[in-house]
């Protein structure tokens, strides 16, 4: 439970940060997307996060992985009814979302490892 309750205190998984040349340094996210093979996240026009292990997607929150949940929820959205803009970018920590992704990968991998170590039903 410590792993999940304090997920923001977990170490970041060492993802490769691939910067796109000729693009301005930018940590802001508008809408992320996964690469076709799911080993990378296209973070924005400047940055791609690569080296995501396949096992990351085995830890699921309902019908999608924790990482897919982050990709879906951490985007700039405008509420159609109110017009209020929900912007997950943090002025006080521009790299917050990149760091969070690294921590979510760590938590996902550790959770999968723990679950695999549990005895199966009837084995204990």
N, C-alpha and C. Protein backbone atom coordinates (compact mmCIF):
# COMPACT_ATOMS: atom_id res chain seq x y z
N UNK A 1 0.82 -1.20 0.00
CA UNK A 1 0.00 0.00 0.00
C UNK A 1 0.86 1.26 0.00
N UNK A 2 2.03 1.20 0.64
CA UNK A 2 2.96 2.34 0.67
C UNK A 2 3.31 2.79 -0.75
N UNK A 3 3.49 1.83 -1.62
CA UNK A 3 3.84 2.10 -3.01
C UNK A 3 2.79 2.97 -3.69
N UNK A 4 1.51 2.67 -3.45
CA UNK A 4 0.44 3.40 -4.12
C UNK A 4 0.06 4.69 -3.40
N UNK A 5 0.04 4.67 -2.08
CA UNK A 5 -0.34 5.86 -1.31
C UNK A 5 0.68 6.98 -1.54
N UNK A 6 1.94 6.61 -1.58
CA UNK A 6 3.01 7.61 -1.76
C UNK A 6 3.65 7.51 -3.14
N UNK A 7 2.83 7.33 -4.15
CA UNK A 7 3.35 7.17 -5.51
C UNK A 7 4.19 8.36 -5.97
N UNK A 8 3.87 9.56 -5.48
CA UNK A 8 4.63 10.74 -5.91
C UNK A 8 6.02 10.80 -5.28
N UNK A 9 6.28 9.95 -4.27
CA UNK A 9 7.60 9.89 -3.65
C UNK A 9 8.45 8.75 -4.21
N UNK A 10 7.94 8.01 -5.16
CA UNK A 10 8.68 6.90 -5.75
C UNK A 10 9.74 7.44 -6.72
N UNK A 11 10.80 6.66 -6.93
CA UNK A 11 11.80 7.11 -7.90
C UNK A 11 11.24 7.07 -9.32
N UNK A 12 11.75 7.93 -10.16
CA UNK A 12 11.31 7.96 -11.55
C UNK A 12 12.00 6.84 -12.32
N UNK A 13 11.23 6.12 -13.13
CA UNK A 13 11.82 5.14 -14.03
C UNK A 13 12.67 5.91 -15.04
N UNK A 14 13.86 5.40 -15.38
CA UNK A 14 14.75 6.14 -16.28
C UNK A 14 14.31 6.09 -17.75
N UNK A 15 13.30 6.86 -18.08
CA UNK A 15 12.86 6.96 -19.47
C UNK A 15 13.87 7.81 -20.25
N UNK A 16 13.94 7.57 -21.55
CA UNK A 16 14.79 8.40 -22.40
C UNK A 16 13.97 9.60 -22.87
N UNK A 17 14.51 10.78 -22.66
CA UNK A 17 13.86 12.01 -23.11
C UNK A 17 14.46 12.39 -24.46
N UNK A 18 13.67 12.24 -25.50
CA UNK A 18 14.14 12.53 -26.85
C UNK A 18 13.61 13.90 -27.26
N UNK A 19 14.52 14.84 -27.37
CA UNK A 19 14.15 16.21 -27.74
C UNK A 19 14.21 16.35 -29.25
N UNK A 20 13.23 17.01 -29.81
CA UNK A 20 13.16 17.23 -31.25
C UNK A 20 13.98 18.49 -31.59
N UNK A 21 14.97 18.30 -32.42
CA UNK A 21 15.81 19.44 -32.82
C UNK A 21 14.98 20.47 -33.57
N UNK A 22 15.39 21.70 -33.50
CA UNK A 22 14.73 22.84 -34.16
C UNK A 22 13.37 23.16 -33.55
N UNK A 23 13.04 22.56 -32.42
CA UNK A 23 11.81 22.91 -31.69
C UNK A 23 12.24 23.62 -30.40
N UNK A 24 11.46 24.58 -29.99
CA UNK A 24 11.73 25.34 -28.76
C UNK A 24 11.53 24.45 -27.54
N UNK A 25 12.43 24.58 -26.56
CA UNK A 25 12.30 23.86 -25.29
C UNK A 25 10.92 24.13 -24.71
N UNK A 26 10.18 23.07 -24.43
CA UNK A 26 8.81 23.24 -23.95
C UNK A 26 8.39 22.03 -23.13
N UNK A 27 8.04 22.25 -21.87
CA UNK A 27 7.58 21.18 -20.99
C UNK A 27 6.06 21.13 -20.90
N UNK A 28 5.37 22.06 -21.55
CA UNK A 28 3.90 22.08 -21.50
C UNK A 28 3.32 20.93 -22.30
N UNK A 29 2.24 20.39 -21.79
CA UNK A 29 1.53 19.34 -22.51
C UNK A 29 0.18 19.89 -22.95
N UNK A 30 -0.23 19.54 -24.13
CA UNK A 30 -1.59 19.83 -24.61
C UNK A 30 -2.37 18.52 -24.61
N UNK A 31 -1.87 17.54 -25.37
CA UNK A 31 -2.48 16.21 -25.40
C UNK A 31 -1.41 15.20 -25.82
N UNK A 32 -1.09 14.29 -24.91
CA UNK A 32 -0.09 13.26 -25.18
C UNK A 32 -0.73 12.12 -25.97
N UNK A 33 0.14 11.33 -26.61
CA UNK A 33 -0.34 10.11 -27.26
C UNK A 33 0.76 9.07 -27.24
N UNK A 34 0.34 7.82 -27.27
CA UNK A 34 1.28 6.70 -27.29
C UNK A 34 1.74 6.41 -28.70
N UNK A 35 2.97 5.91 -28.82
CA UNK A 35 3.44 5.40 -30.11
C UNK A 35 2.65 4.12 -30.40
N UNK A 36 2.67 3.68 -31.65
CA UNK A 36 1.91 2.48 -32.02
C UNK A 36 2.32 1.26 -31.21
N UNK A 37 3.62 1.12 -30.92
CA UNK A 37 4.08 -0.04 -30.16
C UNK A 37 4.03 0.18 -28.65
N UNK A 38 3.56 1.33 -28.21
CA UNK A 38 3.38 1.69 -26.80
C UNK A 38 4.68 1.75 -25.99
N UNK A 39 5.83 1.88 -26.67
CA UNK A 39 7.10 2.00 -25.95
C UNK A 39 7.51 3.45 -25.78
N UNK A 40 6.71 4.38 -26.31
CA UNK A 40 7.03 5.80 -26.20
C UNK A 40 5.75 6.62 -26.09
N UNK A 41 5.90 7.79 -25.46
CA UNK A 41 4.81 8.76 -25.37
C UNK A 41 5.26 10.01 -26.12
N UNK A 42 4.46 10.41 -27.09
CA UNK A 42 4.71 11.69 -27.76
C UNK A 42 4.11 12.73 -26.83
N UNK A 43 4.98 13.41 -26.10
CA UNK A 43 4.58 14.33 -25.03
C UNK A 43 4.08 15.65 -25.60
N UNK A 44 4.84 16.19 -26.54
CA UNK A 44 4.47 17.42 -27.25
C UNK A 44 5.34 17.52 -28.50
N UNK A 45 5.32 18.64 -29.20
CA UNK A 45 6.13 18.79 -30.42
C UNK A 45 7.62 18.76 -30.15
N UNK A 46 8.03 19.03 -28.93
CA UNK A 46 9.44 19.10 -28.56
C UNK A 46 9.97 17.80 -27.98
N UNK A 47 9.13 17.02 -27.31
CA UNK A 47 9.62 15.94 -26.46
C UNK A 47 8.87 14.63 -26.66
N UNK A 48 9.64 13.54 -26.73
CA UNK A 48 9.09 12.19 -26.72
C UNK A 48 9.76 11.44 -25.58
N UNK A 49 8.98 10.70 -24.81
CA UNK A 49 9.50 9.88 -23.72
C UNK A 49 9.53 8.44 -24.22
N UNK A 50 10.72 7.84 -24.29
CA UNK A 50 10.81 6.49 -24.84
C UNK A 50 11.42 5.54 -23.83
N UNK A 51 11.35 4.25 -24.14
CA UNK A 51 11.89 3.22 -23.26
C UNK A 51 10.88 2.72 -22.24
N UNK A 52 9.59 2.79 -22.56
CA UNK A 52 8.55 2.32 -21.65
C UNK A 52 8.46 0.79 -21.77
N UNK A 53 8.70 0.06 -20.68
CA UNK A 53 8.61 -1.40 -20.74
C UNK A 53 7.16 -1.86 -20.97
N UNK A 54 7.00 -2.93 -21.72
CA UNK A 54 5.66 -3.48 -22.02
C UNK A 54 4.92 -3.85 -20.73
N UNK A 55 5.66 -4.32 -19.70
CA UNK A 55 5.03 -4.75 -18.45
C UNK A 55 4.28 -3.62 -17.76
N UNK A 56 4.63 -2.38 -18.08
CA UNK A 56 3.97 -1.22 -17.48
C UNK A 56 2.46 -1.30 -17.67
N UNK A 57 2.03 -1.84 -18.78
CA UNK A 57 0.60 -1.86 -19.13
C UNK A 57 -0.17 -3.00 -18.45
N UNK A 58 0.54 -3.87 -17.72
CA UNK A 58 -0.14 -4.95 -17.01
C UNK A 58 -0.82 -4.47 -15.74
N UNK A 59 -0.35 -3.37 -15.17
CA UNK A 59 -1.01 -2.80 -13.98
C UNK A 59 -2.16 -1.93 -14.47
N UNK A 60 -3.37 -2.35 -14.14
CA UNK A 60 -4.55 -1.71 -14.70
C UNK A 60 -5.42 -1.08 -13.62
N UNK A 61 -6.01 0.06 -13.97
CA UNK A 61 -7.00 0.74 -13.13
C UNK A 61 -8.30 0.64 -13.90
N UNK A 62 -9.08 -0.37 -13.60
CA UNK A 62 -10.30 -0.60 -14.38
C UNK A 62 -9.95 -1.20 -15.73
N UNK A 63 -10.38 -0.53 -16.80
CA UNK A 63 -10.18 -1.11 -18.13
C UNK A 63 -8.95 -0.57 -18.85
N UNK A 64 -8.10 0.21 -18.18
CA UNK A 64 -6.88 0.69 -18.83
C UNK A 64 -5.74 0.75 -17.82
N UNK A 65 -4.54 0.83 -18.35
CA UNK A 65 -3.37 0.88 -17.47
C UNK A 65 -3.27 2.24 -16.78
N UNK A 66 -2.50 2.27 -15.70
CA UNK A 66 -2.29 3.53 -14.98
C UNK A 66 -1.66 4.57 -15.90
N UNK A 67 -0.73 4.14 -16.75
CA UNK A 67 -0.08 5.08 -17.67
C UNK A 67 -1.07 5.62 -18.70
N UNK A 68 -1.93 4.76 -19.21
CA UNK A 68 -2.95 5.23 -20.17
C UNK A 68 -3.92 6.19 -19.49
N UNK A 69 -4.21 5.97 -18.22
CA UNK A 69 -5.07 6.88 -17.46
C UNK A 69 -4.42 8.26 -17.38
N UNK A 70 -3.12 8.31 -17.07
CA UNK A 70 -2.39 9.58 -16.99
C UNK A 70 -2.43 10.30 -18.33
N UNK A 71 -2.17 9.56 -19.41
CA UNK A 71 -2.17 10.16 -20.75
C UNK A 71 -3.54 10.76 -21.07
N UNK A 72 -4.60 10.08 -20.67
CA UNK A 72 -5.95 10.57 -20.93
C UNK A 72 -6.31 11.78 -20.07
N UNK A 73 -5.96 11.73 -18.80
CA UNK A 73 -6.39 12.77 -17.86
C UNK A 73 -5.52 14.02 -17.87
N UNK A 74 -4.24 13.86 -18.15
CA UNK A 74 -3.32 15.00 -18.11
C UNK A 74 -3.21 15.64 -19.49
N UNK A 75 -4.27 16.32 -19.87
CA UNK A 75 -4.30 17.08 -21.12
C UNK A 75 -5.14 18.33 -20.88
N UNK A 76 -4.89 19.33 -21.69
CA UNK A 76 -5.66 20.57 -21.58
C UNK A 76 -7.04 20.30 -22.18
N UNK A 77 -8.08 20.54 -21.37
CA UNK A 77 -9.46 20.31 -21.81
C UNK A 77 -10.30 21.53 -21.45
N UNK A 78 -11.26 21.84 -22.31
CA UNK A 78 -12.21 22.91 -22.02
C UNK A 78 -13.58 22.28 -21.83
N UNK A 79 -14.19 22.57 -20.67
CA UNK A 79 -15.54 22.07 -20.40
C UNK A 79 -16.52 22.76 -21.34
N UNK A 80 -17.29 21.96 -22.07
CA UNK A 80 -18.21 22.51 -23.08
C UNK A 80 -19.30 23.37 -22.46
N UNK A 81 -19.78 22.99 -21.31
CA UNK A 81 -20.89 23.73 -20.69
C UNK A 81 -20.43 25.04 -20.06
N UNK A 82 -19.34 24.98 -19.29
CA UNK A 82 -18.92 26.17 -18.54
C UNK A 82 -17.85 26.99 -19.26
N UNK A 83 -17.14 26.35 -20.18
CA UNK A 83 -16.03 27.04 -20.84
C UNK A 83 -14.77 27.10 -20.00
N UNK A 84 -14.79 26.46 -18.83
CA UNK A 84 -13.63 26.45 -17.94
C UNK A 84 -12.55 25.54 -18.53
N UNK A 85 -11.32 26.06 -18.55
CA UNK A 85 -10.19 25.30 -19.08
C UNK A 85 -9.52 24.55 -17.94
N UNK A 86 -9.38 23.23 -18.09
CA UNK A 86 -8.65 22.41 -17.14
C UNK A 86 -7.26 22.20 -17.72
N UNK A 87 -6.26 22.80 -17.09
CA UNK A 87 -4.88 22.76 -17.58
C UNK A 87 -4.01 22.07 -16.53
N UNK A 88 -3.50 20.87 -16.82
CA UNK A 88 -2.70 20.14 -15.83
C UNK A 88 -1.27 20.65 -15.68
N UNK A 89 -0.83 21.53 -16.55
CA UNK A 89 0.54 22.06 -16.47
C UNK A 89 0.69 22.91 -15.22
N UNK A 90 1.86 22.80 -14.59
CA UNK A 90 2.10 23.52 -13.34
C UNK A 90 3.18 24.56 -13.53
N UNK A 91 2.82 25.81 -13.28
CA UNK A 91 3.79 26.90 -13.41
C UNK A 91 4.93 26.76 -12.40
N UNK A 92 4.62 26.19 -11.22
CA UNK A 92 5.63 26.05 -10.17
C UNK A 92 6.59 24.90 -10.43
N UNK A 93 6.25 23.98 -11.34
CA UNK A 93 7.09 22.82 -11.65
C UNK A 93 6.80 22.38 -13.09
N UNK A 94 7.40 23.04 -14.07
CA UNK A 94 7.09 22.75 -15.47
C UNK A 94 7.31 21.29 -15.88
N UNK A 95 8.22 20.58 -15.19
CA UNK A 95 8.51 19.19 -15.54
C UNK A 95 7.68 18.19 -14.74
N UNK A 96 6.71 18.67 -13.97
CA UNK A 96 5.90 17.81 -13.10
C UNK A 96 5.31 16.61 -13.83
N UNK A 97 4.71 16.80 -14.98
CA UNK A 97 4.03 15.70 -15.67
C UNK A 97 5.04 14.68 -16.17
N UNK A 98 6.19 15.13 -16.67
CA UNK A 98 7.24 14.20 -17.11
C UNK A 98 7.71 13.36 -15.93
N UNK A 99 7.94 14.01 -14.79
CA UNK A 99 8.36 13.29 -13.58
C UNK A 99 7.28 12.31 -13.14
N UNK A 100 6.03 12.75 -13.16
CA UNK A 100 4.90 11.89 -12.76
C UNK A 100 4.85 10.64 -13.63
N UNK A 101 5.04 10.79 -14.92
CA UNK A 101 5.02 9.64 -15.83
C UNK A 101 6.11 8.64 -15.42
N UNK A 102 7.31 9.12 -15.13
CA UNK A 102 8.38 8.23 -14.68
C UNK A 102 8.02 7.50 -13.40
N UNK A 103 7.36 8.19 -12.47
CA UNK A 103 6.96 7.57 -11.21
C UNK A 103 5.84 6.56 -11.42
N UNK A 104 4.91 6.85 -12.31
CA UNK A 104 3.81 5.92 -12.60
C UNK A 104 4.35 4.65 -13.26
N UNK A 105 5.36 4.79 -14.11
CA UNK A 105 5.99 3.60 -14.70
C UNK A 105 6.63 2.76 -13.60
N UNK A 106 7.35 3.38 -12.68
CA UNK A 106 7.96 2.66 -11.55
C UNK A 106 6.90 1.94 -10.73
N UNK A 107 5.85 2.64 -10.34
CA UNK A 107 4.78 2.04 -9.53
C UNK A 107 4.13 0.88 -10.28
N UNK A 108 3.89 1.05 -11.56
CA UNK A 108 3.27 -0.01 -12.37
C UNK A 108 4.16 -1.25 -12.40
N UNK A 109 5.45 -1.07 -12.67
CA UNK A 109 6.37 -2.21 -12.74
C UNK A 109 6.50 -2.91 -11.39
N UNK A 110 6.60 -2.13 -10.32
CA UNK A 110 6.72 -2.72 -8.98
C UNK A 110 5.44 -3.48 -8.60
N UNK A 111 4.29 -2.93 -8.95
CA UNK A 111 3.01 -3.59 -8.65
C UNK A 111 2.92 -4.92 -9.39
N UNK A 112 3.28 -4.93 -10.66
CA UNK A 112 3.25 -6.17 -11.46
C UNK A 112 4.19 -7.20 -10.84
N UNK A 113 5.37 -6.76 -10.41
CA UNK A 113 6.35 -7.66 -9.79
C UNK A 113 5.77 -8.27 -8.50
N UNK A 114 5.15 -7.44 -7.66
CA UNK A 114 4.56 -7.92 -6.40
C UNK A 114 3.44 -8.91 -6.67
N UNK A 115 2.57 -8.60 -7.60
CA UNK A 115 1.44 -9.48 -7.92
C UNK A 115 1.94 -10.82 -8.44
N UNK A 116 2.99 -10.82 -9.26
CA UNK A 116 3.54 -12.09 -9.78
C UNK A 116 4.12 -12.95 -8.67
N UNK A 117 4.59 -12.31 -7.59
CA UNK A 117 5.18 -13.05 -6.47
C UNK A 117 4.13 -13.63 -5.52
N UNK A 118 2.88 -13.18 -5.63
CA UNK A 118 1.82 -13.70 -4.76
C UNK A 118 1.51 -15.15 -5.13
N UNK A 119 1.25 -15.98 -4.12
CA UNK A 119 0.87 -17.36 -4.45
C UNK A 119 -0.50 -17.38 -5.11
N UNK A 120 -0.68 -18.30 -6.02
CA UNK A 120 -1.98 -18.44 -6.68
C UNK A 120 -3.00 -19.04 -5.73
N UNK A 121 -4.26 -18.97 -6.08
CA UNK A 121 -5.32 -19.55 -5.25
C UNK A 121 -5.08 -21.05 -5.16
N UNK A 122 -5.08 -21.56 -3.94
CA UNK A 122 -4.88 -22.98 -3.72
C UNK A 122 -3.42 -23.39 -3.62
N UNK A 123 -2.50 -22.46 -3.84
CA UNK A 123 -1.08 -22.79 -3.75
C UNK A 123 -0.53 -22.58 -2.35
N UNK A 124 -1.17 -21.73 -1.56
CA UNK A 124 -0.63 -21.38 -0.24
C UNK A 124 -0.84 -22.49 0.76
